[in-house]
Every structure is written in C-alpha cells, then in structure tokens.
Amino acid sequence: METPLKLSGYGKNEWITAIIISMLLAAASILFDLWYLIIPIFLALAFVINFFRDPDRRIPSQRGIAVAPSDGRITSIHDIESYEPFDNQPATCIRIFMSVFNVHVNRSPCHGRIASITHTPGKHTNTLNPNCCEVNERNLILMKHPTKGHPVAAVRQVAGLLARTICCAVEENAVIQRGQRIGMIKLGSTTELYIPKSLLEKVTVEEGQSVKGGLTVLAQVKAQDNNQPSTPTAAAESHDTSTPETEPAE
C-alpha cells in the first residue's frame, strides 16, 4: 500500500531545476507563439517527476522476512559458496534491475546495524550485463545483528549506463529498521540483496518477477530478536519518517 505521490529529497536539486527550466521554457513558448512546444516540455517534466517519486509505503511487520531493497525486476537468484563480507560464509544473492520507470529509492531489507559501507569506483556499463555488478561503480552496505554482531544482510547499489550517481543515506554504526530509506541510484541501475545461507529458510520470489522496495517479501529467514514494530501502521510510520528528506552527500 502506498501514499499519494511525493518527491524524494535525494533528487531535490534535479527536480527543482527541472520544474524551473520547464516553467521558463513554457513561458518562452507562449511568448514567441510556439505553442506546439508546450506538450513535449511538460512530458519531459512529467518524466523527471515520475523518476524522483518516493511514495510512503506500509512496510510488512511479520517476523522472519527480508523485503526488496528496491523496485524493479528480479534478473538473477544465485548462491555464492564463499562471500567475503559474510566472513567467507555461503550466501544467496537476489539481483534486481531498475528501469527508468521504477521508483529508485532504496530501502533496508531488514532490521540491523550498519557494520560497514564500501564504495568502489568503476565503469558505467549496461546493468543488464551479468558482469556489470563486478566492474561498475558500486556501493556495498553490510548489515549485522545489532547485539549479536553476526551478518544478517548486505545491499549492493550498482551504477549503470545512465545511472552515474549513487546516493547512500545511512552511516556506519547506525541501527536501521526494515523498509527504512537508505539511499537512491539515479537513472536506471541495479540493486543486490545478499542473505547468509545460515539464516535463509526460503526465497519467495523467482526470476522475472516484478517487486516493490519495502513491500515485496523476497525471502523467509530465521527470525531474529530485532524489536520490530508490532503493527503494519507502526512499521510504516517508523520507517517512512526516520530518513530526513534532504539531499544526502554523494
């Protein structure tokens, strides 16, 4: 369930600039009797507004689940025998491709503490390329249990051919809730969710399926004592008001 349209603070500079430029171009079109330009101008503005939309969402509150870190389509579900961020333990990776028409705000898949944030410079190849996640610019957010200290999940933000800006809105050692906004990738990109095999009970999605960040349950996991909000309403209020609507450092 989503609330009415609102715009993301992560793209505030872009959508404010787009609105101002569109208004100026529309005024010039009217002034010089170029009415036929009005429609393409506002179609371009509508595209920008649509891209930077950031609806509030009612986050699922049941225990033992991991939700999608972004909107998009599942392009790969695969196992990794030894995943270094999880102390070289086995993991499962669920990869999500975001087109330019998806909501591009990223959300936390579960409750946890941000153990580390690792940004790796790289190329900007097409994110439909299976190797893009290893060669493109990327940002890895590793999450651990707040008290027990073991890895619970990792989210990797991957820049694409058009996406040249990765916004990360969380800091190391912060404790975040399931569904909380953690950043954004601008103009088409990929996110990956990594779950330790020791915690994974069942993947609940399949390749080709469309998902929504913070709403779609990607996997059932062993329940942790995370002090999650007990009701869907509390979850939505907690997660959607905890991230300031300001432009993050890039």
Foldseek 3Di string as FASTA:
>chain_A
DWDDWDFFQQCVVPLVVLVVVLVVVCVVCVVVVVNVVNVVSVVVSVLVSQQGIDTQDLFDFDFQFFAFFAWAFWADWDKDPFDVVQVGHIKIKTKGWDASRTHFWTWGRFWFFFADKDWDDADAEAQSPPCQLVGHTKIKTWGAHLPPGGTAKIKMWGHHNPFDDWFAQDDGGDIAGQGATGTGTPHITMMMMMGGPVFFDFQPDDGGDTHHHSYHTGGGTHGDPRPTDDDSVVNSVRRVVPGDRHHGDD
